[in-house]
Amino acid sequence: MAKSSANKVSSKKLSKKASHVLQSNSASKTSKSLAGSVLAQSGSDSK
């Protein structure tokens, strides 16, 4: 059986890059949306 993509977790390295995209003034709306998705899937607990 194929694994569900909902169970995948983004790597720390990718999460860091996504964070930089969100902080960038020159990043497009689409780029920021995708970066937000990466961070939402990062599995990190910010509490």
N, C-alpha and C. Protein backbone atom coordinates (compact mmCIF):
# COMPACT_ATOMS: atom_id res chain seq x y z
N MET A 1 0.83 -1.20 0.00
CA MET A 1 0.00 0.00 0.00
C MET A 1 0.86 1.26 0.00
N ALA A 2 0.40 2.25 -0.67
CA ALA A 2 1.13 3.52 -0.71
C ALA A 2 0.86 4.31 0.57
N LYS A 3 1.89 5.01 1.04
CA LYS A 3 1.73 5.83 2.24
C LYS A 3 0.96 7.10 1.90
N SER A 4 0.19 7.55 2.83
CA SER A 4 -0.55 8.80 2.65
C SER A 4 0.41 9.98 2.75
N SER A 5 0.25 10.97 1.89
CA SER A 5 1.13 12.14 1.92
C SER A 5 0.89 12.97 3.18
N ALA A 6 -0.24 12.74 3.86
CA ALA A 6 -0.53 13.49 5.09
C ALA A 6 0.40 13.08 6.22
N ASN A 7 1.06 11.93 6.10
CA ASN A 7 1.96 11.45 7.14
C ASN A 7 3.40 11.91 6.95
N LYS A 8 3.67 12.57 5.84
CA LYS A 8 5.03 13.01 5.58
C LYS A 8 5.36 14.26 6.38
N VAL A 9 6.61 14.38 6.80
CA VAL A 9 7.05 15.52 7.59
C VAL A 9 8.21 16.18 6.87
N SER A 10 8.17 17.50 6.76
CA SER A 10 9.23 18.25 6.09
C SER A 10 10.49 18.25 6.94
N SER A 11 11.63 18.27 6.29
CA SER A 11 12.90 18.27 6.99
C SER A 11 13.19 19.63 7.61
N LYS A 12 14.10 19.62 8.58
CA LYS A 12 14.50 20.87 9.23
C LYS A 12 15.10 21.84 8.22
N LYS A 13 15.91 21.31 7.32
CA LYS A 13 16.57 22.15 6.31
C LYS A 13 15.54 22.85 5.42
N LEU A 14 14.53 22.11 5.01
CA LEU A 14 13.48 22.68 4.16
C LEU A 14 12.65 23.69 4.94
N SER A 15 12.40 23.40 6.21
CA SER A 15 11.63 24.33 7.05
C SER A 15 12.38 25.65 7.21
N LYS A 16 13.68 25.57 7.36
CA LYS A 16 14.49 26.79 7.51
C LYS A 16 14.41 27.64 6.24
N LYS A 17 14.49 26.99 5.09
CA LYS A 17 14.40 27.72 3.82
C LYS A 17 13.01 28.35 3.66
N ALA A 18 11.99 27.60 4.07
CA ALA A 18 10.62 28.12 3.98
C ALA A 18 10.46 29.35 4.85
N SER A 19 11.08 29.34 6.02
CA SER A 19 11.02 30.48 6.92
C SER A 19 11.64 31.72 6.28
N HIS A 20 12.75 31.52 5.58
CA HIS A 20 13.40 32.64 4.89
C HIS A 20 12.52 33.20 3.78
N VAL A 21 11.81 32.31 3.09
CA VAL A 21 10.91 32.75 2.02
C VAL A 21 9.80 33.63 2.61
N LEU A 22 9.23 33.19 3.74
CA LEU A 22 8.15 33.96 4.35
C LEU A 22 8.61 35.33 4.82
N GLN A 23 9.87 35.45 5.19
CA GLN A 23 10.40 36.72 5.68
C GLN A 23 10.86 37.63 4.54
N SER A 24 10.94 37.09 3.34
CA SER A 24 11.42 37.85 2.18
C SER A 24 10.35 38.80 1.65
N ASN A 25 10.75 40.02 1.39
CA ASN A 25 9.84 41.00 0.80
C ASN A 25 9.66 40.77 -0.71
N SER A 26 10.62 40.07 -1.32
CA SER A 26 10.57 39.89 -2.77
C SER A 26 9.91 38.56 -3.19
N ALA A 27 9.58 37.71 -2.24
CA ALA A 27 8.96 36.42 -2.56
C ALA A 27 7.52 36.62 -3.03
N SER A 28 7.13 35.82 -4.00
CA SER A 28 5.76 35.93 -4.54
C SER A 28 4.74 35.36 -3.55
N LYS A 29 3.49 35.70 -3.79
CA LYS A 29 2.40 35.21 -2.95
C LYS A 29 2.34 33.68 -3.00
N THR A 30 2.57 33.12 -4.17
CA THR A 30 2.56 31.66 -4.33
C THR A 30 3.70 31.02 -3.55
N SER A 31 4.88 31.61 -3.62
CA SER A 31 6.03 31.09 -2.89
C SER A 31 5.77 31.10 -1.38
N LYS A 32 5.17 32.18 -0.91
CA LYS A 32 4.87 32.27 0.52
C LYS A 32 3.80 31.27 0.94
N SER A 33 2.85 31.02 0.06
CA SER A 33 1.82 30.03 0.35
C SER A 33 2.42 28.63 0.46
N LEU A 34 3.31 28.31 -0.47
CA LEU A 34 3.97 27.01 -0.44
C LEU A 34 4.88 26.88 0.78
N ALA A 35 5.57 27.96 1.12
CA ALA A 35 6.44 27.95 2.30
C ALA A 35 5.61 27.73 3.57
N GLY A 36 4.45 28.33 3.62
CA GLY A 36 3.56 28.13 4.75
C GLY A 36 3.12 26.68 4.87
N SER A 37 2.88 26.05 3.74
CA SER A 37 2.50 24.63 3.74
C SER A 37 3.64 23.76 4.26
N VAL A 38 4.85 24.10 3.87
CA VAL A 38 6.02 23.34 4.34
C VAL A 38 6.11 23.44 5.86
N LEU A 39 5.96 24.65 6.38
CA LEU A 39 6.06 24.83 7.82
C LEU A 39 4.91 24.15 8.56
N ALA A 40 3.75 24.12 7.96
CA ALA A 40 2.60 23.45 8.58
C ALA A 40 2.84 21.94 8.67
N GLN A 41 3.63 21.41 7.75
CA GLN A 41 3.93 19.99 7.72
C GLN A 41 5.23 19.64 8.42
N SER A 42 5.88 20.66 9.01
CA SER A 42 7.21 20.41 9.59
C SER A 42 7.17 19.52 10.82
N GLY A 43 6.02 19.43 11.47
CA GLY A 43 5.91 18.56 12.62
C GLY A 43 6.54 19.12 13.86
N SER A 44 6.99 20.35 13.82
CA SER A 44 7.61 20.94 15.00
C SER A 44 6.52 21.44 15.94
N ASP A 45 6.79 21.30 17.23
CA ASP A 45 5.84 21.74 18.25
C ASP A 45 6.34 23.05 18.81
N SER A 46 5.66 24.15 18.49
CA SER A 46 6.13 25.47 18.90
C SER A 46 5.63 25.88 20.28
N LYS A 47 4.98 24.98 20.98
CA LYS A 47 4.45 25.30 22.32
C LYS A 47 5.51 25.15 23.38
